[in-house]
PDB file of N, CA and C in Angstrom:
ATOM      1  N   UNK A   1       8.636 -12.593  -7.540  1.00  0.00           N
ATOM      2  CA  UNK A   1       7.576 -11.725  -8.245  1.00  0.00           C
ATOM      3  C   UNK A   1       6.492 -11.378  -7.255  1.00  0.00           C
ATOM      4  N   UNK A   2       6.014 -10.213  -7.436  1.00  0.00           N
ATOM      5  CA  UNK A   2       4.989  -9.681  -6.764  1.00  0.00           C
ATOM      6  C   UNK A   2       3.753  -9.511  -7.555  1.00  0.00           C
ATOM      7  N   UNK A   3       2.589  -9.579  -6.913  1.00  0.00           N
ATOM      8  CA  UNK A   3       1.319  -9.410  -7.731  1.00  0.00           C
ATOM      9  C   UNK A   3       0.501  -8.466  -6.762  1.00  0.00           C
ATOM     10  N   UNK A   4      -0.531  -7.787  -7.610  1.00  0.00           N
ATOM     11  CA  UNK A   4      -1.543  -6.964  -6.947  1.00  0.00           C
ATOM     12  C   UNK A   4      -2.816  -7.320  -7.517  1.00  0.00           C
ATOM     13  N   UNK A   5      -3.907  -7.515  -6.573  1.00  0.00           N
ATOM     14  CA  UNK A   5      -5.294  -7.580  -7.218  1.00  0.00           C
ATOM     15  C   UNK A   5      -6.042  -6.552  -6.338  1.00  0.00           C
ATOM     16  N   UNK A   6      -7.154  -6.141  -7.069  1.00  0.00           N
ATOM     17  CA  UNK A   6      -7.898  -4.894  -6.580  1.00  0.00           C
ATOM     18  C   UNK A   6      -9.417  -5.408  -6.445  1.00  0.00           C
ATOM     19  N   UNK A   7      -9.951  -4.754  -5.390  1.00  0.00           N
ATOM     20  CA  UNK A   7     -11.434  -4.741  -5.166  1.00  0.00           C
ATOM     21  C   UNK A   7     -11.758  -3.385  -4.739  1.00  0.00           C
ATOM     22  N   UNK A   8     -13.019  -3.092  -4.915  1.00  0.00           N
ATOM     23  CA  UNK A   8     -13.532  -1.749  -4.541  1.00  0.00           C
ATOM     24  C   UNK A   8     -14.871  -1.790  -3.704  1.00  0.00           C
ATOM     25  N   UNK A   9     -15.033  -0.979  -2.815  1.00  0.00           N
ATOM     26  CA  UNK A   9     -16.156  -0.832  -2.003  1.00  0.00           C
ATOM     27  C   UNK A   9     -16.486   0.662  -1.723  1.00  0.00           C
ATOM     28  N   UNK A  10     -17.542   1.199  -2.325  1.00  0.00           N
ATOM     29  CA  UNK A  10     -17.851   2.629  -2.192  1.00  0.00           C
ATOM     30  C   UNK A  10     -16.611   3.412  -2.847  1.00  0.00           C
ATOM     31  N   UNK A  11     -16.166   4.274  -1.990  1.00  0.00           N
ATOM     32  CA  UNK A  11     -15.015   5.111  -2.411  1.00  0.00           C
ATOM     33  C   UNK A  11     -13.650   4.549  -1.838  1.00  0.00           C
ATOM     34  N   UNK A  12     -13.615   3.309  -1.623  1.00  0.00           N
ATOM     35  CA  UNK A  12     -12.404   2.676  -1.015  1.00  0.00           C
ATOM     36  C   UNK A  12     -11.832   1.741  -2.076  1.00  0.00           C
ATOM     37  N   UNK A  13     -10.612   1.791  -2.370  1.00  0.00           N
ATOM     38  CA  UNK A  13      -9.983   0.875  -3.382  1.00  0.00           C
ATOM     39  C   UNK A  13      -8.969   0.061  -2.596  1.00  0.00           C
ATOM     40  N   UNK A  14      -9.195  -1.234  -2.501  1.00  0.00           N
ATOM     41  CA  UNK A  14      -8.369  -2.200  -1.843  1.00  0.00           C
ATOM     42  C   UNK A  14      -7.302  -2.818  -2.824  1.00  0.00           C
ATOM     43  N   UNK A  15      -5.994  -2.729  -2.398  1.00  0.00           N
ATOM     44  CA  UNK A  15      -5.016  -3.365  -3.323  1.00  0.00           C
ATOM     45  C   UNK A  15      -4.326  -4.380  -2.474  1.00  0.00           C
ATOM     46  N   UNK A  16      -4.422  -5.729  -2.925  1.00  0.00           N
ATOM     47  CA  UNK A  16      -3.999  -6.844  -2.083  1.00  0.00           C
ATOM     48  C   UNK A  16      -2.558  -7.214  -2.713  1.00  0.00           C
ATOM     49  N   UNK A  17      -1.426  -6.943  -2.025  1.00  0.00           N
ATOM     50  CA  UNK A  17      -0.198  -7.135  -2.603  1.00  0.00           C
ATOM     51  C   UNK A  17       0.318  -8.609  -2.087  1.00  0.00           C
ATOM     52  N   UNK A  18       0.993  -9.371  -2.926  1.00  0.00           N
ATOM     53  CA  UNK A  18       1.585 -10.546  -2.587  1.00  0.00           C
ATOM     54  C   UNK A  18       2.989 -10.799  -3.146  1.00  0.00           C
ATOM     55  N   UNK A  19       3.725 -11.620  -2.561  1.00  0.00           N
ATOM     56  CA  UNK A  19       5.003 -11.812  -3.152  1.00  0.00           C
ATOM     57  C   UNK A  19       6.133 -11.155  -2.404  1.00  0.00           C
ATOM     58  N   UNK A  20       7.296 -10.926  -3.119  1.00  0.00           N
ATOM     59  CA  UNK A  20       8.375 -10.195  -2.681  1.00  0.00           C
ATOM     60  C   UNK A  20       8.494  -8.926  -3.446  1.00  0.00           C
ATOM     61  N   UNK A  21       8.630  -7.804  -2.793  1.00  0.00           N
ATOM     62  CA  UNK A  21       8.725  -6.495  -3.385  1.00  0.00           C
ATOM     63  C   UNK A  21      10.066  -6.076  -3.281  1.00  0.00           C
ATOM     64  N   UNK A  22      10.698  -6.201  -4.336  1.00  0.00           N
ATOM     65  CA  UNK A  22      12.096  -5.599  -4.635  1.00  0.00           C
ATOM     66  C   UNK A  22      12.074  -4.594  -5.557  1.00  0.00           C
ATOM     67  N   UNK A  23      13.266  -4.220  -6.122  1.00  0.00           N
ATOM     68  CA  UNK A  23      13.397  -3.165  -7.083  1.00  0.00           C
ATOM     69  C   UNK A  23      12.624  -3.393  -8.239  1.00  0.00           C
ATOM     70  N   UNK A  24      12.761  -4.594  -8.831  1.00  0.00           N
ATOM     71  CA  UNK A  24      12.066  -4.959 -10.095  1.00  0.00           C
ATOM     72  C   UNK A  24      10.587  -5.092  -9.967  1.00  0.00           C
ATOM     73  N   UNK A  25      10.144  -5.710  -8.949  1.00  0.00           N
ATOM     74  CA  UNK A  25       8.747  -5.908  -8.583  1.00  0.00           C
ATOM     75  C   UNK A  25       8.066  -4.608  -8.196  1.00  0.00           C
ATOM     76  N   UNK A  26       8.726  -3.705  -7.684  1.00  0.00           N
ATOM     77  CA  UNK A  26       8.120  -2.381  -7.246  1.00  0.00           C
ATOM     78  C   UNK A  26       7.765  -1.611  -8.550  1.00  0.00           C
ATOM     79  N   UNK A  27       8.654  -1.685  -9.434  1.00  0.00           N
ATOM     80  CA  UNK A  27       8.405  -0.944 -10.827  1.00  0.00           C
ATOM     81  C   UNK A  27       7.000  -1.299 -11.467  1.00  0.00           C
ATOM     82  N   UNK A  28       6.700  -2.680 -11.434  1.00  0.00           N
ATOM     83  CA  UNK A  28       5.594  -3.233 -12.008  1.00  0.00           C
ATOM     84  C   UNK A  28       4.300  -2.845 -11.311  1.00  0.00           C
ATOM     85  N   UNK A  29       4.450  -2.939  -9.855  1.00  0.00           N
ATOM     86  CA  UNK A  29       3.391  -2.642  -9.008  1.00  0.00           C
ATOM     87  C   UNK A  29       3.095  -1.174  -9.073  1.00  0.00           C
ATOM     88  N   UNK A  30       4.036  -0.376  -9.193  1.00  0.00           N
ATOM     89  CA  UNK A  30       3.947   1.242  -9.250  1.00  0.00           C
ATOM     90  C   UNK A  30       3.117   1.428 -10.421  1.00  0.00           C
ATOM     91  N   UNK A  31       3.229   0.911 -11.528  1.00  0.00           N
ATOM     92  CA  UNK A  31       2.455   1.094 -12.762  1.00  0.00           C
ATOM     93  C   UNK A  31       1.048   0.864 -12.497  1.00  0.00           C
ATOM     94  N   UNK A  32       0.823  -0.495 -11.991  1.00  0.00           N
ATOM     95  CA  UNK A  32      -0.469  -0.925 -11.677  1.00  0.00           C
ATOM     96  C   UNK A  32      -1.305  -0.152 -10.703  1.00  0.00           C
ATOM     97  N   UNK A  33      -0.664   0.215  -9.602  1.00  0.00           N
ATOM     98  CA  UNK A  33      -1.264   1.005  -8.569  1.00  0.00           C
ATOM     99  C   UNK A  33      -1.652   2.378  -9.048  1.00  0.00           C
ATOM    100  N   UNK A  34      -0.634   3.018  -9.847  1.00  0.00           N
ATOM    101  CA  UNK A  34      -0.928   4.479 -10.305  1.00  0.00           C
ATOM    102  C   UNK A  34      -2.072   4.403 -11.328  1.00  0.00           C
ATOM    103  N   UNK A  35      -2.086   3.341 -12.192  1.00  0.00           N
ATOM    104  CA  UNK A  35      -3.245   3.197 -13.186  1.00  0.00           C
ATOM    105  C   UNK A  35      -4.634   3.186 -12.443  1.00  0.00           C
ATOM    106  N   UNK A  36      -4.616   2.296 -11.292  1.00  0.00           N
ATOM    107  CA  UNK A  36      -5.817   2.186 -10.543  1.00  0.00           C
ATOM    108  C   UNK A  36      -6.227   3.428  -9.822  1.00  0.00           C
ATOM    109  N   UNK A  37      -5.237   4.182  -9.406  1.00  0.00           N
ATOM    110  CA  UNK A  37      -5.560   5.458  -8.658  1.00  0.00           C
ATOM    111  C   UNK A  37      -6.046   6.366  -9.648  1.00  0.00           C
ATOM    112  N   UNK A  38      -5.524   6.449 -10.869  1.00  0.00           N
ATOM    113  CA  UNK A  38      -5.911   7.534 -11.806  1.00  0.00           C
ATOM    114  C   UNK A  38      -7.310   7.237 -12.443  1.00  0.00           C
ATOM    115  N   UNK A  39      -7.568   5.868 -12.735  1.00  0.00           N
ATOM    116  CA  UNK A  39      -8.776   5.599 -13.353  1.00  0.00           C
ATOM    117  C   UNK A  39      -9.967   5.536 -12.376  1.00  0.00           C
ATOM    118  N   UNK A  40      -9.823   5.142 -11.009  1.00  0.00           N
ATOM    119  CA  UNK A  40     -10.836   4.906 -10.174  1.00  0.00           C
ATOM    120  C   UNK A  40     -11.034   6.081  -9.121  1.00  0.00           C
ATOM    121  N   UNK A  41      -9.922   6.740  -9.058  1.00  0.00           N
ATOM    122  CA  UNK A  41      -9.996   8.081  -8.073  1.00  0.00           C
ATOM    123  C   UNK A  41     -10.556   7.710  -6.707  1.00  0.00           C
ATOM    124  N   UNK A  42     -10.113   6.778  -5.957  1.00  0.00           N
ATOM    125  CA  UNK A  42     -10.737   6.472  -4.681  1.00  0.00           C
ATOM    126  C   UNK A  42     -10.376   7.556  -3.614  1.00  0.00           C
ATOM    127  N   UNK A  43     -11.390   7.649  -2.697  1.00  0.00           N
ATOM    128  CA  UNK A  43     -11.111   8.566  -1.458  1.00  0.00           C
ATOM    129  C   UNK A  43      -9.911   7.955  -0.634  1.00  0.00           C
ATOM    130  N   UNK A  44     -10.037   6.594  -0.554  1.00  0.00           N
ATOM    131  CA  UNK A  44      -8.977   5.877   0.251  1.00  0.00           C
ATOM    132  C   UNK A  44      -8.485   4.805  -0.530  1.00  0.00           C
ATOM    133  N   UNK A  45      -7.043   4.605  -0.662  1.00  0.00           N
ATOM    134  CA  UNK A  45      -6.382   3.390  -1.245  1.00  0.00           C
ATOM    135  C   UNK A  45      -5.908   2.750   0.011  1.00  0.00           C
ATOM    136  N   UNK A  46      -6.392   1.373   0.082  1.00  0.00           N
ATOM    137  CA  UNK A  46      -5.951   0.583   1.268  1.00  0.00           C
ATOM    138  C   UNK A  46      -4.945  -0.471   0.626  1.00  0.00           C
ATOM    139  N   UNK A  47      -3.595  -0.312   1.017  1.00  0.00           N
ATOM    140  CA  UNK A  47      -2.639  -1.272   0.499  1.00  0.00           C
ATOM    141  C   UNK A  47      -2.637  -2.441   1.598  1.00  0.00           C
ATOM    142  N   UNK A  48      -3.089  -3.685   1.208  1.00  0.00           N
ATOM    143  CA  UNK A  48      -3.108  -4.730   2.148  1.00  0.00           C
ATOM    144  C   UNK A  48      -1.808  -5.583   1.907  1.00  0.00           C
ATOM    145  N   UNK A  49      -0.845  -5.681   2.846  1.00  0.00           N
ATOM    146  CA  UNK A  49       0.385  -6.335   2.713  1.00  0.00           C
ATOM    147  C   UNK A  49       0.468  -7.779   3.258  1.00  0.00           C
ATOM    148  N   UNK A  50      -0.730  -8.255   3.631  1.00  0.00           N
ATOM    149  CA  UNK A  50      -0.709  -9.509   4.144  1.00  0.00           C
ATOM    150  C   UNK A  50      -0.089 -10.653   3.473  1.00  0.00           C
ATOM    151  N   UNK A  51      -0.080 -10.584   2.143  1.00  0.00           N
ATOM    152  CA  UNK A  51       0.657 -11.661   1.265  1.00  0.00           C
ATOM    153  C   UNK A  51       2.111 -11.446   0.971  1.00  0.00           C
ATOM    154  N   UNK A  52       2.655 -10.258   1.499  1.00  0.00           N
ATOM    155  CA  UNK A  52       3.995  -9.846   1.137  1.00  0.00           C
ATOM    156  C   UNK A  52       4.934 -10.631   2.194  1.00  0.00           C
ATOM    157  N   UNK A  53       5.924 -11.363   1.605  1.00  0.00           N
ATOM    158  CA  UNK A  53       6.911 -11.997   2.454  1.00  0.00           C
ATOM    159  C   UNK A  53       8.216 -11.274   2.664  1.00  0.00           C
ATOM    160  N   UNK A  54       8.495 -10.387   1.650  1.00  0.00           N
ATOM    161  CA  UNK A  54       9.768  -9.683   1.721  1.00  0.00           C
ATOM    162  C   UNK A  54       9.587  -8.331   1.047  1.00  0.00           C
ATOM    163  N   UNK A  55      10.176  -7.332   1.672  1.00  0.00           N
ATOM    164  CA  UNK A  55      10.091  -5.922   1.089  1.00  0.00           C
ATOM    165  C   UNK A  55      11.364  -5.229   1.403  1.00  0.00           C
ATOM    166  N   UNK A  56      11.957  -4.675   0.492  1.00  0.00           N
ATOM    167  CA  UNK A  56      13.195  -3.909   0.718  1.00  0.00           C
ATOM    168  C   UNK A  56      12.734  -2.472   0.575  1.00  0.00           C
ATOM    169  N   UNK A  57      13.851  -1.617   0.433  1.00  0.00           N
ATOM    170  CA  UNK A  57      13.645  -0.028   0.416  1.00  0.00           C
ATOM    171  C   UNK A  57      12.690   0.279  -0.756  1.00  0.00           C
ATOM    172  N   UNK A  58      12.874  -0.399  -1.822  1.00  0.00           N
ATOM    173  CA  UNK A  58      11.941  -0.174  -2.989  1.00  0.00           C
ATOM    174  C   UNK A  58      10.454  -0.213  -2.635  1.00  0.00           C
ATOM    175  N   UNK A  59      10.141  -1.215  -1.713  1.00  0.00           N
ATOM    176  CA  UNK A  59       8.708  -1.264  -1.307  1.00  0.00           C
ATOM    177  C   UNK A  59       8.360  -0.057  -0.397  1.00  0.00           C
ATOM    178  N   UNK A  60       9.235   0.324   0.395  1.00  0.00           N
ATOM    179  CA  UNK A  60       9.028   1.644   1.090  1.00  0.00           C
ATOM    180  C   UNK A  60       8.781   2.778   0.150  1.00  0.00           C
ATOM    181  N   UNK A  61       9.699   2.889  -0.887  1.00  0.00           N
ATOM    182  CA  UNK A  61       9.546   4.005  -1.775  1.00  0.00           C
ATOM    183  C   UNK A  61       8.112   3.855  -2.605  1.00  0.00           C
ATOM    184  N   UNK A  62       7.812   2.562  -2.814  1.00  0.00           N
ATOM    185  CA  UNK A  62       6.559   2.328  -3.594  1.00  0.00           C
ATOM    186  C   UNK A  62       5.420   2.910  -2.664  1.00  0.00           C
ATOM    187  N   UNK A  63       5.367   2.688  -1.386  1.00  0.00           N
ATOM    188  CA  UNK A  63       4.255   3.177  -0.547  1.00  0.00           C
ATOM    189  C   UNK A  63       4.251   4.569  -0.442  1.00  0.00           C
ATOM    190  N   UNK A  64       5.454   5.124  -0.143  1.00  0.00           N
ATOM    191  CA  UNK A  64       5.566   6.604  -0.244  1.00  0.00           C
ATOM    192  C   UNK A  64       5.142   7.341  -1.295  1.00  0.00           C
ATOM    193  N   UNK A  65       5.446   6.771  -2.534  1.00  0.00           N
ATOM    194  CA  UNK A  65       4.948   7.340  -3.884  1.00  0.00           C
ATOM    195  C   UNK A  65       3.584   7.327  -4.051  1.00  0.00           C
ATOM    196  N   UNK A  66       2.820   6.138  -3.608  1.00  0.00           N
ATOM    197  CA  UNK A  66       1.415   6.028  -3.804  1.00  0.00           C
ATOM    198  C   UNK A  66       0.773   6.935  -2.731  1.00  0.00           C
ATOM    199  N   UNK A  67       1.324   7.180  -1.659  1.00  0.00           N
ATOM    200  CA  UNK A  67       0.712   8.187  -0.609  1.00  0.00           C
ATOM    201  C   UNK A  67       0.654   9.523  -1.282  1.00  0.00           C
ATOM    202  N   UNK A  68       1.715   9.949  -1.899  1.00  0.00           N
ATOM    203  CA  UNK A  68       1.848  11.264  -2.531  1.00  0.00           C
ATOM    204  C   UNK A  68       0.834  11.318  -3.681  1.00  0.00           C
ATOM    205  N   UNK A  69       0.890  10.244  -4.581  1.00  0.00           N
ATOM    206  CA  UNK A  69      -0.170  10.238  -5.520  1.00  0.00           C
ATOM    207  C   UNK A  69      -1.537  10.361  -5.107  1.00  0.00           C
ATOM    208  N   UNK A  70      -1.969   9.540  -4.104  1.00  0.00           N
ATOM    209  CA  UNK A  70      -3.275   9.642  -3.525  1.00  0.00           C
ATOM    210  C   UNK A  70      -3.661  11.030  -3.014  1.00  0.00           C
ATOM    211  N   UNK A  71      -2.732  11.606  -2.280  1.00  0.00           N
ATOM    212  CA  UNK A  71      -2.921  12.873  -1.745  1.00  0.00           C
ATOM    213  C   UNK A  71      -3.083  13.955  -2.917  1.00  0.00           C
ATOM    214  N   UNK A  72      -2.350  13.875  -4.010  1.00  0.00           N
ATOM    215  CA  UNK A  72      -2.451  14.811  -5.018  1.00  0.00           C
ATOM    216  C   UNK A  72      -3.937  14.644  -5.663  1.00  0.00           C
ATOM    217  N   UNK A  73      -4.280  13.437  -5.685  1.00  0.00           N
ATOM    218  CA  UNK A  73      -5.773  13.178  -6.165  1.00  0.00           C
ATOM    219  C   UNK A  73      -6.918  13.459  -5.134  1.00  0.00           C
ATOM    220  N   UNK A  74      -6.467  13.968  -4.069  1.00  0.00           N
ATOM    221  CA  UNK A  74      -7.604  14.332  -2.926  1.00  0.00           C
ATOM    222  C   UNK A  74      -7.889  13.212  -2.105  1.00  0.00           C
ATOM    223  N   UNK A  75      -7.107  12.198  -2.077  1.00  0.00           N
ATOM    224  CA  UNK A  75      -7.475  10.925  -1.366  1.00  0.00           C
ATOM    225  C   UNK A  75      -6.309  10.690  -0.213  1.00  0.00           C
ATOM    226  N   UNK A  76      -6.221   9.454   0.324  1.00  0.00           N
ATOM    227  CA  UNK A  76      -5.431   9.090   1.354  1.00  0.00           C
ATOM    228  C   UNK A  76      -5.003   7.601   1.215  1.00  0.00           C
ATOM    229  N   UNK A  77      -4.063   7.203   2.055  1.00  0.00           N
ATOM    230  CA  UNK A  77      -3.545   5.875   1.819  1.00  0.00           C
ATOM    231  C   UNK A  77      -3.631   5.221   3.220  1.00  0.00           C
ATOM    232  N   UNK A  78      -3.865   3.960   3.190  1.00  0.00           N
ATOM    233  CA  UNK A  78      -4.004   3.183   4.562  1.00  0.00           C
ATOM    234  C   UNK A  78      -3.228   1.825   4.338  1.00  0.00           C
ATOM    235  N   UNK A  79      -2.421   1.407   5.293  1.00  0.00           N
ATOM    236  CA  UNK A  79      -1.804   0.215   5.172  1.00  0.00           C
ATOM    237  C   UNK A  79      -2.310  -0.769   6.163  1.00  0.00           C
ATOM    238  N   UNK A  80      -2.533  -2.033   5.699  1.00  0.00           N
ATOM    239  CA  UNK A  80      -3.190  -3.006   6.754  1.00  0.00           C
ATOM    240  C   UNK A  80      -2.500  -4.361   6.447  1.00  0.00           C
ATOM    241  N   UNK A  81      -2.541  -5.211   7.449  1.00  0.00           N
ATOM    242  CA  UNK A  81      -2.284  -6.588   7.422  1.00  0.00           C
ATOM    243  C   UNK A  81      -0.730  -6.785   7.173  1.00  0.00           C
ATOM    244  N   UNK A  82       0.141  -5.953   7.483  1.00  0.00           N
ATOM    245  CA  UNK A  82       1.529  -6.159   7.185  1.00  0.00           C
ATOM    246  C   UNK A  82       2.095  -7.059   8.253  1.00  0.00           C
ATOM    247  N   UNK A  83       2.864  -8.103   7.812  1.00  0.00           N
ATOM    248  CA  UNK A  83       3.516  -9.003   8.724  1.00  0.00           C
ATOM    249  C   UNK A  83       4.463  -8.319   9.725  1.00  0.00           C
ATOM    250  N   UNK A  84       4.628  -8.811  10.739  1.00  0.00           N
ATOM    251  CA  UNK A  84       5.569  -8.288  11.812  1.00  0.00           C
ATOM    252  C   UNK A  84       6.814  -7.573  11.316  1.00  0.00           C
ATOM    253  N   UNK A  85       7.665  -8.383  10.478  1.00  0.00           N
ATOM    254  CA  UNK A  85       8.877  -7.836   9.915  1.00  0.00           C
ATOM    255  C   UNK A  85       8.677  -6.666   9.094  1.00  0.00           C
ATOM    256  N   UNK A  86       7.509  -6.654   8.297  1.00  0.00           N
ATOM    257  CA  UNK A  86       7.439  -5.402   7.450  1.00  0.00           C
ATOM    258  C   UNK A  86       6.940  -4.306   8.282  1.00  0.00           C
ATOM    259  N   UNK A  87       6.179  -4.556   9.373  1.00  0.00           N
ATOM    260  CA  UNK A  87       5.692  -3.492  10.292  1.00  0.00           C
ATOM    261  C   UNK A  87       6.881  -2.667  10.925  1.00  0.00           C
ATOM    262  N   UNK A  88       7.880  -3.446  11.223  1.00  0.00           N
ATOM    263  CA  UNK A  88       9.098  -2.797  11.693  1.00  0.00           C
ATOM    264  C   UNK A  88       9.769  -1.862  10.722  1.00  0.00           C
ATOM    265  N   UNK A  89       9.846  -2.425   9.479  1.00  0.00           N
ATOM    266  CA  UNK A  89      10.515  -1.587   8.420  1.00  0.00           C
ATOM    267  C   UNK A  89       9.621  -0.258   8.255  1.00  0.00           C
ATOM    268  N   UNK A  90       8.337  -0.443   8.266  1.00  0.00           N
ATOM    269  CA  UNK A  90       7.409   0.663   7.933  1.00  0.00           C
ATOM    270  C   UNK A  90       7.539   1.632   9.155  1.00  0.00           C
ATOM    271  N   UNK A  91       7.553   1.144  10.302  1.00  0.00           N
ATOM    272  CA  UNK A  91       7.880   2.024  11.486  1.00  0.00           C
ATOM    273  C   UNK A  91       9.059   2.844  11.393  1.00  0.00           C
ATOM    274  N   UNK A  92      10.155   2.272  10.855  1.00  0.00           N
ATOM    275  CA  UNK A  92      11.472   3.040  10.793  1.00  0.00           C
ATOM    276  C   UNK A  92      11.293   4.143   9.697  1.00  0.00           C
ATOM    277  N   UNK A  93      10.486   4.010   8.741  1.00  0.00           N
ATOM    278  CA  UNK A  93      10.223   4.901   7.716  1.00  0.00           C
ATOM    279  C   UNK A  93       8.991   5.813   8.084  1.00  0.00           C
ATOM    280  N   UNK A  94       8.600   5.773   9.277  1.00  0.00           N
ATOM    281  CA  UNK A  94       7.458   6.547   9.752  1.00  0.00           C
ATOM    282  C   UNK A  94       6.195   6.532   8.982  1.00  0.00           C
ATOM    283  N   UNK A  95       5.799   5.241   8.610  1.00  0.00           N
ATOM    284  CA  UNK A  95       4.589   4.963   7.944  1.00  0.00           C
ATOM    285  C   UNK A  95       3.657   4.301   8.780  1.00  0.00           C
ATOM    286  N   UNK A  96       2.555   4.776   9.081  1.00  0.00           N
ATOM    287  CA  UNK A  96       1.704   4.207   9.996  1.00  0.00           C
ATOM    288  C   UNK A  96       0.963   2.982   9.395  1.00  0.00           C
ATOM    289  N   UNK A  97       0.807   1.953  10.298  1.00  0.00           N
ATOM    290  CA  UNK A  97       0.198   0.610   9.806  1.00  0.00           C
ATOM    291  C   UNK A  97      -0.741   0.049  10.871  1.00  0.00           C
ATOM    292  N   UNK A  98      -1.734  -0.430  10.461  1.00  0.00           N
ATOM    293  CA  UNK A  98      -2.777  -1.108  11.487  1.00  0.00           C
ATOM    294  C   UNK A  98      -2.035  -2.208  11.994  1.00  0.00           C
ATOM    295  N   UNK A  99      -2.254  -2.354  13.361  1.00  0.00           N
ATOM    296  CA  UNK A  99      -1.870  -3.508  14.173  1.00  0.00           C
ATOM    297  C   UNK A  99      -2.630  -4.691  13.808  1.00  0.00           C
ATOM    298  N   UNK A 100      -2.208  -5.896  13.854  1.00  0.00           N
ATOM    299  CA  UNK A 100      -3.026  -7.150  13.746  1.00  0.00           C
ATOM    300  C   UNK A 100      -4.192  -7.094  14.756  1.00  0.00           C
ATOM    301  N   UNK A 101      -5.341  -7.336  14.327  1.00  0.00           N
ATOM    302  CA  UNK A 101      -6.456  -7.411  15.094  1.00  0.00           C
ATOM    303  C   UNK A 101      -6.860  -6.069  15.762  1.00  0.00           C
ATOM    304  N   UNK A 102      -6.158  -4.988  15.313  1.00  0.00           N
ATOM    305  CA  UNK A 102      -6.427  -3.666  15.925  1.00  0.00           C
ATOM    306  C   UNK A 102      -7.726  -3.031  15.404  1.00  0.00           C
ATOM    307  N   UNK A 103      -8.161  -2.111  16.045  1.00  0.00           N
ATOM    308  CA  UNK A 103      -9.424  -1.440  15.663  1.00  0.00           C
ATOM    309  C   UNK A 103      -9.222  -0.399  14.483  1.00  0.00           C
ATOM    310  N   UNK A 104      -9.614   0.809  14.598  1.00  0.00           N
ATOM    311  CA  UNK A 104      -9.509   1.675  13.475  1.00  0.00           C
ATOM    312  C   UNK A 104      -8.029   2.051  13.245  1.00  0.00           C
ATOM    313  N   UNK A 105      -7.782   2.459  12.143  1.00  0.00           N
ATOM    314  CA  UNK A 105      -6.535   2.816  11.712  1.00  0.00           C
ATOM    315  C   UNK A 105      -6.538   4.215  11.058  1.00  0.00           C
ATOM    316  N   UNK A 106      -5.705   5.175  11.471  1.00  0.00           N
ATOM    317  CA  UNK A 106      -5.755   6.440  10.814  1.00  0.00           C
ATOM    318  C   UNK A 106      -5.160   6.404   9.465  1.00  0.00           C
ATOM    319  N   UNK A 107      -5.684   7.176   8.610  1.00  0.00           N
ATOM    320  CA  UNK A 107      -5.243   7.173   7.159  1.00  0.00           C
ATOM    321  C   UNK A 107      -3.906   7.934   7.152  1.00  0.00           C
ATOM    322  N   UNK A 108      -3.182   7.522   6.255  1.00  0.00           N
ATOM    323  CA  UNK A 108      -1.792   8.108   6.018  1.00  0.00           C
ATOM    324  C   UNK A 108      -2.027   9.252   4.945  1.00  0.00           C
ATOM    325  N   UNK A 109      -1.924  10.384   5.429  1.00  0.00           N
ATOM    326  CA  UNK A 109      -2.285  11.628   4.444  1.00  0.00           C
ATOM    327  C   UNK A 109      -0.859  12.278   4.130  1.00  0.00           C
TER     328      UNK A 109
END
């Protein structure tokens, strides 16, 4: 089971994901993330994957869908703190991700 908790700072909404993101979990996360995007309208949605231990293609779809949703609302998406295994999956899907301990990260528009 996966969970998401939110925090906000100025016009940035942080979504801290944890657990395993598979098909079933992605559906619940999608609803929560979309609701937060629509009600808070952040300039940037930061998805923090530091607590995610497993993610399949449903997780990639979740990220791509939230990127489209954020863009439609005039914002952008940034991924951070993805474990090494997830970073490789994200690279294959051409999704930019901040490197551990890295400096600035370009937003995924």
